């Protein structure tokens, strides 16, 4: 599909959508109180970053918590170069900050 064909297709699609959806009607039904706020992105930390942010906890302890499933984590990558990423909120709950 060429760029011109894609543009033409999108224009036709938007025209069809405009035929079936009355924008003014939707705007009148919108109530800000019912709107949900977007969730903040989950902050993930490496093990080293965890030890820097939370003094007194070792890298070994964080690894053990992650391996036992006591804190939310996942491995990004494989082998020696793969990093274990820790969910900051989960770690804070485990340490009693939340």
PDB file of N, CA and C in Angstrom:
ATOM      1  N   UNK A   1       0.840  -1.167   0.000  1.00  0.00           N
ATOM      2  CA  UNK A   1       0.000   0.000   0.000  1.00  0.00           C
ATOM      3  C   UNK A   1       0.890   1.237   0.000  1.00  0.00           C
ATOM      4  N   UNK A   2       0.607   2.151  -0.874  1.00  0.00           N
ATOM      5  CA  UNK A   2       1.409   3.368  -0.938  1.00  0.00           C
ATOM      6  C   UNK A   2       0.917   4.363   0.111  1.00  0.00           C
ATOM      7  N   UNK A   3       1.693   5.400   0.312  1.00  0.00           N
ATOM      8  CA  UNK A   3       1.327   6.418   1.291  1.00  0.00           C
ATOM      9  C   UNK A   3       0.030   7.114   0.897  1.00  0.00           C
ATOM     10  N   UNK A   4      -0.150   7.361  -0.399  1.00  0.00           N
ATOM     11  CA  UNK A   4      -1.367   8.015  -0.873  1.00  0.00           C
ATOM     12  C   UNK A   4      -2.585   7.131  -0.627  1.00  0.00           C
ATOM     13  N   UNK A   5      -2.434   5.817  -0.857  1.00  0.00           N
ATOM     14  CA  UNK A   5      -3.532   4.897  -0.624  1.00  0.00           C
ATOM     15  C   UNK A   5      -3.895   4.836   0.863  1.00  0.00           C
ATOM     16  N   UNK A   6      -2.873   4.842   1.717  1.00  0.00           N
ATOM     17  CA  UNK A   6      -3.127   4.838   3.162  1.00  0.00           C
ATOM     18  C   UNK A   6      -3.860   6.102   3.591  1.00  0.00           C
ATOM     19  N   UNK A   7      -3.435   7.242   3.049  1.00  0.00           N
ATOM     20  CA  UNK A   7      -4.073   8.513   3.384  1.00  0.00           C
ATOM     21  C   UNK A   7      -5.525   8.514   2.929  1.00  0.00           C
ATOM     22  N   UNK A   8      -5.770   8.046   1.726  1.00  0.00           N
ATOM     23  CA  UNK A   8      -7.131   7.988   1.196  1.00  0.00           C
ATOM     24  C   UNK A   8      -7.994   7.052   2.043  1.00  0.00           C
ATOM     25  N   UNK A   9      -7.447   5.907   2.406  1.00  0.00           N
ATOM     26  CA  UNK A   9      -8.170   4.952   3.245  1.00  0.00           C
ATOM     27  C   UNK A   9      -8.533   5.564   4.596  1.00  0.00           C
ATOM     28  N   UNK A  10      -7.578   6.258   5.210  1.00  0.00           N
ATOM     29  CA  UNK A  10      -7.829   6.874   6.519  1.00  0.00           C
ATOM     30  C   UNK A  10      -8.890   7.967   6.417  1.00  0.00           C
ATOM     31  N   UNK A  11      -8.869   8.733   5.335  1.00  0.00           N
ATOM     32  CA  UNK A  11      -9.886   9.780   5.147  1.00  0.00           C
ATOM     33  C   UNK A  11     -11.277   9.162   5.029  1.00  0.00           C
ATOM     34  N   UNK A  12     -11.395   8.073   4.266  1.00  0.00           N
ATOM     35  CA  UNK A  12     -12.682   7.396   4.121  1.00  0.00           C
ATOM     36  C   UNK A  12     -13.131   6.811   5.455  1.00  0.00           C
ATOM     37  N   UNK A  13     -12.207   6.228   6.187  1.00  0.00           N
ATOM     38  CA  UNK A  13     -12.525   5.646   7.480  1.00  0.00           C
ATOM     39  C   UNK A  13     -13.013   6.711   8.459  1.00  0.00           C
ATOM     40  N   UNK A  14     -12.345   7.845   8.497  1.00  0.00           N
ATOM     41  CA  UNK A  14     -12.751   8.934   9.390  1.00  0.00           C
ATOM     42  C   UNK A  14     -14.119   9.477   9.001  1.00  0.00           C
ATOM     43  N   UNK A  15     -14.402   9.543   7.700  1.00  0.00           N
ATOM     44  CA  UNK A  15     -15.712  10.013   7.240  1.00  0.00           C
ATOM     45  C   UNK A  15     -16.801   9.047   7.701  1.00  0.00           C
ATOM     46  N   UNK A  16     -16.539   7.733   7.616  1.00  0.00           N
ATOM     47  CA  UNK A  16     -17.512   6.747   8.084  1.00  0.00           C
ATOM     48  C   UNK A  16     -17.741   6.868   9.587  1.00  0.00           C
ATOM     49  N   UNK A  17     -16.682   7.042  10.327  1.00  0.00           N
ATOM     50  CA  UNK A  17     -16.802   7.176  11.777  1.00  0.00           C
ATOM     51  C   UNK A  17     -17.605   8.420  12.122  1.00  0.00           C
ATOM     52  N   UNK A  18     -17.342   9.521  11.419  1.00  0.00           N
ATOM     53  CA  UNK A  18     -18.083  10.760  11.664  1.00  0.00           C
ATOM     54  C   UNK A  18     -19.573  10.601  11.383  1.00  0.00           C
ATOM     55  N   UNK A  19     -19.936   9.751  10.406  1.00  0.00           N
ATOM     56  CA  UNK A  19     -21.341   9.526  10.087  1.00  0.00           C
ATOM     57  C   UNK A  19     -22.068   8.826  11.229  1.00  0.00           C
ATOM     58  N   UNK A  20     -21.380   7.920  11.899  1.00  0.00           N
ATOM     59  CA  UNK A  20     -22.027   7.094  12.916  1.00  0.00           C
ATOM     60  C   UNK A  20     -21.916   7.623  14.332  1.00  0.00           C
ATOM     61  N   UNK A  21     -21.021   8.548  14.576  1.00  0.00           N
ATOM     62  CA  UNK A  21     -20.827   9.067  15.923  1.00  0.00           C
ATOM     63  C   UNK A  21     -21.143  10.551  15.930  1.00  0.00           C
ATOM     64  N   UNK A  22     -22.054  10.946  16.805  1.00  0.00           N
ATOM     65  CA  UNK A  22     -22.401  12.348  16.964  1.00  0.00           C
ATOM     66  C   UNK A  22     -21.544  12.902  18.091  1.00  0.00           C
ATOM     67  N   UNK A  23     -20.553  13.703  17.768  1.00  0.00           N
ATOM     68  CA  UNK A  23     -19.588  14.207  18.737  1.00  0.00           C
ATOM     69  C   UNK A  23     -20.260  15.088  19.782  1.00  0.00           C
ATOM     70  N   UNK A  24     -21.208  15.936  19.380  1.00  0.00           N
ATOM     71  CA  UNK A  24     -21.893  16.820  20.326  1.00  0.00           C
ATOM     72  C   UNK A  24     -22.655  16.005  21.363  1.00  0.00           C
ATOM     73  N   UNK A  25     -23.266  14.907  20.940  1.00  0.00           N
ATOM     74  CA  UNK A  25     -24.006  14.041  21.857  1.00  0.00           C
ATOM     75  C   UNK A  25     -23.066  13.426  22.892  1.00  0.00           C
ATOM     76  N   UNK A  26     -21.910  12.998  22.463  1.00  0.00           N
ATOM     77  CA  UNK A  26     -20.942  12.411  23.389  1.00  0.00           C
ATOM     78  C   UNK A  26     -20.438  13.441  24.382  1.00  0.00           C
ATOM     79  N   UNK A  27     -20.190  14.665  23.933  1.00  0.00           N
ATOM     80  CA  UNK A  27     -19.682  15.708  24.817  1.00  0.00           C
ATOM     81  C   UNK A  27     -20.682  16.036  25.926  1.00  0.00           C
ATOM     82  N   UNK A  28     -21.980  16.003  25.636  1.00  0.00           N
ATOM     83  CA  UNK A  28     -22.976  16.335  26.643  1.00  0.00           C
ATOM     84  C   UNK A  28     -23.096  15.238  27.692  1.00  0.00           C
ATOM     85  N   UNK A  29     -22.786  13.994  27.340  1.00  0.00           N
ATOM     86  CA  UNK A  29     -22.878  12.884  28.274  1.00  0.00           C
ATOM     87  C   UNK A  29     -21.641  12.764  29.159  1.00  0.00           C
ATOM     88  N   UNK A  30     -20.599  13.437  28.806  1.00  0.00           N
ATOM     89  CA  UNK A  30     -19.334  13.321  29.540  1.00  0.00           C
ATOM     90  C   UNK A  30     -19.449  13.992  30.902  1.00  0.00           C
ATOM     91  N   UNK A  31     -19.090  13.254  31.946  1.00  0.00           N
ATOM     92  CA  UNK A  31     -19.076  13.795  33.296  1.00  0.00           C
ATOM     93  C   UNK A  31     -17.669  13.636  33.857  1.00  0.00           C
ATOM     94  N   UNK A  32     -17.012  14.745  34.173  1.00  0.00           N
ATOM     95  CA  UNK A  32     -15.642  14.652  34.668  1.00  0.00           C
ATOM     96  C   UNK A  32     -15.498  13.837  35.942  1.00  0.00           C
ATOM     97  N   UNK A  33     -16.525  13.780  36.773  1.00  0.00           N
ATOM     98  CA  UNK A  33     -16.435  13.033  38.025  1.00  0.00           C
ATOM     99  C   UNK A  33     -16.307  11.533  37.774  1.00  0.00           C
ATOM    100  N   UNK A  34     -16.839  11.062  36.650  1.00  0.00           N
ATOM    101  CA  UNK A  34     -16.759   9.642  36.340  1.00  0.00           C
ATOM    102  C   UNK A  34     -15.480   9.269  35.598  1.00  0.00           C
ATOM    103  N   UNK A  35     -14.764  10.263  35.134  1.00  0.00           N
ATOM    104  CA  UNK A  35     -13.535   9.991  34.394  1.00  0.00           C
ATOM    105  C   UNK A  35     -12.474   9.463  35.352  1.00  0.00           C
ATOM    106  N   UNK A  36     -11.729   8.493  34.877  1.00  0.00           N
ATOM    107  CA  UNK A  36     -10.676   7.935  35.715  1.00  0.00           C
ATOM    108  C   UNK A  36      -9.349   8.580  35.347  1.00  0.00           C
ATOM    109  N   UNK A  37      -8.577   8.866  36.347  1.00  0.00           N
ATOM    110  CA  UNK A  37      -7.263   9.461  36.111  1.00  0.00           C
ATOM    111  C   UNK A  37      -6.316   8.385  35.593  1.00  0.00           C
ATOM    112  N   UNK A  38      -5.433   8.751  34.688  1.00  0.00           N
ATOM    113  CA  UNK A  38      -4.488   7.756  34.197  1.00  0.00           C
ATOM    114  C   UNK A  38      -3.557   7.317  35.320  1.00  0.00           C
ATOM    115  N   UNK A  39      -3.213   6.034  35.299  1.00  0.00           N
ATOM    116  CA  UNK A  39      -2.331   5.501  36.327  1.00  0.00           C
ATOM    117  C   UNK A  39      -0.899   5.954  36.061  1.00  0.00           C
ATOM    118  N   UNK A  40      -0.197   6.192  37.137  1.00  0.00           N
ATOM    119  CA  UNK A  40       1.212   6.552  37.014  1.00  0.00           C
ATOM    120  C   UNK A  40       1.980   5.304  36.581  1.00  0.00           C
ATOM    121  N   UNK A  41       3.002   5.466  35.770  1.00  0.00           N
ATOM    122  CA  UNK A  41       3.770   4.294  35.347  1.00  0.00           C
ATOM    123  C   UNK A  41       4.455   3.646  36.543  1.00  0.00           C
ATOM    124  N   UNK A  42       4.575   2.336  36.486  1.00  0.00           N
ATOM    125  CA  UNK A  42       5.219   1.591  37.548  1.00  0.00           C
ATOM    126  C   UNK A  42       6.718   1.852  37.492  1.00  0.00           C
ATOM    127  N   UNK A  43       7.290   2.204  38.627  1.00  0.00           N
ATOM    128  CA  UNK A  43       8.719   2.466  38.672  1.00  0.00           C
ATOM    129  C   UNK A  43       9.457   1.172  39.007  1.00  0.00           C
ATOM    130  N   UNK A  44      10.371   0.806  38.138  1.00  0.00           N
ATOM    131  CA  UNK A  44      11.168  -0.394  38.323  1.00  0.00           C
ATOM    132  C   UNK A  44      12.613   0.016  38.604  1.00  0.00           C
ATOM    133  N   UNK A  45      13.249  -0.684  39.536  1.00  0.00           N
ATOM    134  CA  UNK A  45      14.626  -0.376  39.924  1.00  0.00           C
ATOM    135  C   UNK A  45      15.498  -1.608  39.747  1.00  0.00           C
ATOM    136  N   UNK A  46      16.752  -1.377  39.416  1.00  0.00           N
ATOM    137  CA  UNK A  46      17.710  -2.481  39.427  1.00  0.00           C
ATOM    138  C   UNK A  46      18.060  -2.767  40.881  1.00  0.00           C
ATOM    139  N   UNK A  47      18.720  -3.871  41.122  1.00  0.00           N
ATOM    140  CA  UNK A  47      19.092  -4.230  42.492  1.00  0.00           C
ATOM    141  C   UNK A  47      20.027  -3.186  43.080  1.00  0.00           C
ATOM    142  N   UNK A  48      20.961  -2.707  42.292  1.00  0.00           N
ATOM    143  CA  UNK A  48      21.891  -1.687  42.781  1.00  0.00           C
ATOM    144  C   UNK A  48      21.163  -0.395  43.133  1.00  0.00           C
ATOM    145  N   UNK A  49      20.195   0.000  42.317  1.00  0.00           N
ATOM    146  CA  UNK A  49      19.416   1.205  42.608  1.00  0.00           C
ATOM    147  C   UNK A  49      18.613   1.037  43.897  1.00  0.00           C
ATOM    148  N   UNK A  50      18.130  -0.175  44.147  1.00  0.00           N
ATOM    149  CA  UNK A  50      17.387  -0.440  45.385  1.00  0.00           C
ATOM    150  C   UNK A  50      18.271  -0.217  46.604  1.00  0.00           C
ATOM    151  N   UNK A  51      19.514  -0.705  46.551  1.00  0.00           N
ATOM    152  CA  UNK A  51      20.407  -0.542  47.701  1.00  0.00           C
ATOM    153  C   UNK A  51      20.788   0.916  47.894  1.00  0.00           C
ATOM    154  N   UNK A  52      20.824   1.696  46.824  1.00  0.00           N
ATOM    155  CA  UNK A  52      21.150   3.112  46.942  1.00  0.00           C
ATOM    156  C   UNK A  52      19.977   3.901  47.521  1.00  0.00           C
ATOM    157  N   UNK A  53      18.760   3.547  47.160  1.00  0.00           N
ATOM    158  CA  UNK A  53      17.588   4.283  47.638  1.00  0.00           C
ATOM    159  C   UNK A  53      17.174   3.885  49.049  1.00  0.00           C
ATOM    160  N   UNK A  54      17.400   2.631  49.411  1.00  0.00           N
ATOM    161  CA  UNK A  54      17.010   2.139  50.724  1.00  0.00           C
ATOM    162  C   UNK A  54      18.262   1.671  51.455  1.00  0.00           C
ATOM    163  N   UNK A  55      18.814   2.544  52.260  1.00  0.00           N
ATOM    164  CA  UNK A  55      20.044   2.223  52.975  1.00  0.00           C
ATOM    165  C   UNK A  55      19.793   1.112  53.981  1.00  0.00           C
ATOM    166  N   UNK A  56      20.799   0.271  54.163  1.00  0.00           N
ATOM    167  CA  UNK A  56      20.712  -0.789  55.160  1.00  0.00           C
ATOM    168  C   UNK A  56      20.228  -2.116  54.624  1.00  0.00           C
ATOM    169  N   UNK A  57      19.905  -2.191  53.338  1.00  0.00           N
ATOM    170  CA  UNK A  57      19.489  -3.458  52.755  1.00  0.00           C
ATOM    171  C   UNK A  57      20.508  -3.842  51.688  1.00  0.00           C
ATOM    172  N   UNK A  58      20.936  -5.085  51.709  1.00  0.00           N
ATOM    173  CA  UNK A  58      22.000  -5.518  50.799  1.00  0.00           C
ATOM    174  C   UNK A  58      21.431  -6.035  49.480  1.00  0.00           C
ATOM    175  N   UNK A  59      22.309  -6.120  48.492  1.00  0.00           N
ATOM    176  CA  UNK A  59      21.916  -6.662  47.193  1.00  0.00           C
ATOM    177  C   UNK A  59      21.476  -8.116  47.342  1.00  0.00           C
ATOM    178  N   UNK A  60      22.173  -8.856  48.186  1.00  0.00           N
ATOM    179  CA  UNK A  60      21.833 -10.266  48.405  1.00  0.00           C
ATOM    180  C   UNK A  60      20.405 -10.403  48.950  1.00  0.00           C
ATOM    181  N   UNK A  61      20.046  -9.566  49.909  1.00  0.00           N
ATOM    182  CA  UNK A  61      18.710  -9.628  50.505  1.00  0.00           C
ATOM    183  C   UNK A  61      17.643  -9.327  49.456  1.00  0.00           C
ATOM    184  N   UNK A  62      17.884  -8.334  48.629  1.00  0.00           N
ATOM    185  CA  UNK A  62      16.908  -7.987  47.591  1.00  0.00           C
ATOM    186  C   UNK A  62      16.769  -9.131  46.597  1.00  0.00           C
ATOM    187  N   UNK A  63      17.885  -9.742  46.209  1.00  0.00           N
ATOM    188  CA  UNK A  63      17.831 -10.893  45.296  1.00  0.00           C
ATOM    189  C   UNK A  63      17.015 -12.030  45.909  1.00  0.00           C
ATOM    190  N   UNK A  64      17.236 -12.301  47.188  1.00  0.00           N
ATOM    191  CA  UNK A  64      16.520 -13.381  47.858  1.00  0.00           C
ATOM    192  C   UNK A  64      15.020 -13.094  47.938  1.00  0.00           C
ATOM    193  N   UNK A  65      14.658 -11.857  48.240  1.00  0.00           N
ATOM    194  CA  UNK A  65      13.244 -11.480  48.277  1.00  0.00           C
ATOM    195  C   UNK A  65      12.595 -11.679  46.909  1.00  0.00           C
ATOM    196  N   UNK A  66      13.312 -11.317  45.864  1.00  0.00           N
ATOM    197  CA  UNK A  66      12.791 -11.468  44.504  1.00  0.00           C
ATOM    198  C   UNK A  66      12.664 -12.946  44.136  1.00  0.00           C
ATOM    199  N   UNK A  67      13.664 -13.748  44.461  1.00  0.00           N
ATOM    200  CA  UNK A  67      13.623 -15.175  44.133  1.00  0.00           C
ATOM    201  C   UNK A  67      12.505 -15.902  44.869  1.00  0.00           C
ATOM    202  N   UNK A  68      12.229 -15.495  46.096  1.00  0.00           N
ATOM    203  CA  UNK A  68      11.158 -16.120  46.884  1.00  0.00           C
ATOM    204  C   UNK A  68       9.786 -15.593  46.501  1.00  0.00           C
ATOM    205  N   UNK A  69       9.725 -14.557  45.682  1.00  0.00           N
ATOM    206  CA  UNK A  69       8.447 -13.998  45.249  1.00  0.00           C
ATOM    207  C   UNK A  69       7.817 -13.075  46.282  1.00  0.00           C
ATOM    208  N   UNK A  70       8.603 -12.615  47.241  1.00  0.00           N
ATOM    209  CA  UNK A  70       8.071 -11.722  48.271  1.00  0.00           C
ATOM    210  C   UNK A  70       7.943 -10.287  47.763  1.00  0.00           C
ATOM    211  N   UNK A  71       8.653  -9.943  46.697  1.00  0.00           N
ATOM    212  CA  UNK A  71       8.513  -8.651  46.045  1.00  0.00           C
ATOM    213  C   UNK A  71       8.350  -8.894  44.545  1.00  0.00           C
ATOM    214  N   UNK A  72       7.618  -8.018  43.893  1.00  0.00           N
ATOM    215  CA  UNK A  72       7.385  -8.163  42.455  1.00  0.00           C
ATOM    216  C   UNK A  72       8.660  -7.829  41.688  1.00  0.00           C
ATOM    217  N   UNK A  73       9.027  -8.739  40.796  1.00  0.00           N
ATOM    218  CA  UNK A  73      10.242  -8.527  40.012  1.00  0.00           C
ATOM    219  C   UNK A  73      10.167  -9.333  38.726  1.00  0.00           C
ATOM    220  N   UNK A  74      11.057  -9.001  37.786  1.00  0.00           N
ATOM    221  CA  UNK A  74      11.219  -9.819  36.596  1.00  0.00           C
ATOM    222  C   UNK A  74      12.613  -9.603  36.032  1.00  0.00           C
ATOM    223  N   UNK A  75      13.057 -10.547  35.231  1.00  0.00           N
ATOM    224  CA  UNK A  75      14.381 -10.474  34.634  1.00  0.00           C
ATOM    225  C   UNK A  75      14.261  -9.914  33.223  1.00  0.00           C
ATOM    226  N   UNK A  76      15.014  -8.858  32.962  1.00  0.00           N
ATOM    227  CA  UNK A  76      15.066  -8.254  31.631  1.00  0.00           C
ATOM    228  C   UNK A  76      16.366  -8.723  30.986  1.00  0.00           C
ATOM    229  N   UNK A  77      16.277  -9.554  30.003  1.00  0.00           N
ATOM    230  CA  UNK A  77      17.471 -10.097  29.365  1.00  0.00           C
ATOM    231  C   UNK A  77      17.761 -11.490  29.877  1.00  0.00           C
ATOM    232  N   UNK A  78      18.835 -12.066  29.351  1.00  0.00           N
ATOM    233  CA  UNK A  78      19.194 -13.427  29.739  1.00  0.00           C
ATOM    234  C   UNK A  78      20.651 -13.500  30.156  1.00  0.00           C
ATOM    235  N   UNK A  79      20.988 -14.511  30.913  1.00  0.00           N
ATOM    236  CA  UNK A  79      22.376 -14.749  31.299  1.00  0.00           C
ATOM    237  C   UNK A  79      22.937 -13.691  32.223  1.00  0.00           C
ATOM    238  N   UNK A  80      24.253 -13.513  32.162  1.00  0.00           N
ATOM    239  CA  UNK A  80      24.932 -12.568  33.035  1.00  0.00           C
ATOM    240  C   UNK A  80      24.530 -11.123  32.759  1.00  0.00           C
ATOM    241  N   UNK A  81      24.160 -10.836  31.525  1.00  0.00           N
ATOM    242  CA  UNK A  81      23.806  -9.459  31.159  1.00  0.00           C
ATOM    243  C   UNK A  81      22.358  -9.105  31.498  1.00  0.00           C
ATOM    244  N   UNK A  82      21.556 -10.099  31.880  1.00  0.00           N
ATOM    245  CA  UNK A  82      20.170  -9.842  32.229  1.00  0.00           C
ATOM    246  C   UNK A  82      20.072  -9.149  33.581  1.00  0.00           C
ATOM    247  N   UNK A  83      19.216  -8.162  33.674  1.00  0.00           N
ATOM    248  CA  UNK A  83      19.031  -7.418  34.918  1.00  0.00           C
ATOM    249  C   UNK A  83      17.744  -7.868  35.588  1.00  0.00           C
ATOM    250  N   UNK A  84      17.791  -7.954  36.901  1.00  0.00           N
ATOM    251  CA  UNK A  84      16.577  -8.203  37.665  1.00  0.00           C
ATOM    252  C   UNK A  84      16.007  -6.837  38.011  1.00  0.00           C
ATOM    253  N   UNK A  85      14.775  -6.598  37.592  1.00  0.00           N
ATOM    254  CA  UNK A  85      14.120  -5.325  37.861  1.00  0.00           C
ATOM    255  C   UNK A  85      13.088  -5.527  38.966  1.00  0.00           C
ATOM    256  N   UNK A  86      13.123  -4.646  39.948  1.00  0.00           N
ATOM    257  CA  UNK A  86      12.284  -4.739  41.129  1.00  0.00           C
ATOM    258  C   UNK A  86      11.232  -3.640  41.084  1.00  0.00           C
ATOM    259  N   UNK A  87       9.986  -4.001  41.390  1.00  0.00           N
ATOM    260  CA  UNK A  87       8.915  -3.026  41.487  1.00  0.00           C
ATOM    261  C   UNK A  87       9.126  -2.218  42.765  1.00  0.00           C
ATOM    262  N   UNK A  88       9.300  -0.908  42.623  1.00  0.00           N
ATOM    263  CA  UNK A  88       9.614  -0.050  43.760  1.00  0.00           C
ATOM    264  C   UNK A  88       8.505  -0.064  44.805  1.00  0.00           C
ATOM    265  N   UNK A  89       7.252  -0.015  44.367  1.00  0.00           N
ATOM    266  CA  UNK A  89       6.131  -0.010  45.303  1.00  0.00           C
ATOM    267  C   UNK A  89       6.086  -1.298  46.109  1.00  0.00           C
ATOM    268  N   UNK A  90       6.322  -2.416  45.441  1.00  0.00           N
ATOM    269  CA  UNK A  90       6.327  -3.701  46.118  1.00  0.00           C
ATOM    270  C   UNK A  90       7.422  -3.764  47.178  1.00  0.00           C
ATOM    271  N   UNK A  91       8.601  -3.258  46.852  1.00  0.00           N
ATOM    272  CA  UNK A  91       9.705  -3.248  47.802  1.00  0.00           C
ATOM    273  C   UNK A  91       9.392  -2.339  48.985  1.00  0.00           C
ATOM    274  N   UNK A  92       8.804  -1.177  48.706  1.00  0.00           N
ATOM    275  CA  UNK A  92       8.470  -0.251  49.795  1.00  0.00           C
ATOM    276  C   UNK A  92       7.439  -0.867  50.743  1.00  0.00           C
ATOM    277  N   UNK A  93       6.466  -1.608  50.190  1.00  0.00           N
ATOM    278  CA  UNK A  93       5.485  -2.287  51.031  1.00  0.00           C
ATOM    279  C   UNK A  93       6.162  -3.353  51.894  1.00  0.00           C
ATOM    280  N   UNK A  94       7.064  -4.114  51.298  1.00  0.00           N
ATOM    281  CA  UNK A  94       7.762  -5.165  52.045  1.00  0.00           C
ATOM    282  C   UNK A  94       8.608  -4.586  53.179  1.00  0.00           C
ATOM    283  N   UNK A  95       9.222  -3.427  52.918  1.00  0.00           N
ATOM    284  CA  UNK A  95      10.081  -2.801  53.930  1.00  0.00           C
ATOM    285  C   UNK A  95       9.288  -1.976  54.933  1.00  0.00           C
ATOM    286  N   UNK A  96       7.984  -1.835  54.728  1.00  0.00           N
ATOM    287  CA  UNK A  96       7.141  -1.133  55.688  1.00  0.00           C
ATOM    288  C   UNK A  96       7.040   0.358  55.490  1.00  0.00           C
ATOM    289  N   UNK A  97       7.422   0.861  54.320  1.00  0.00           N
ATOM    290  CA  UNK A  97       7.308   2.286  54.060  1.00  0.00           C
ATOM    291  C   UNK A  97       5.897   2.684  53.645  1.00  0.00           C
ATOM    292  N   UNK A  98       5.135   1.725  53.162  1.00  0.00           N
ATOM    293  CA  UNK A  98       3.746   1.998  52.746  1.00  0.00           C
ATOM    294  C   UNK A  98       2.824   1.143  53.582  1.00  0.00           C
TER     295      UNK A  98
END
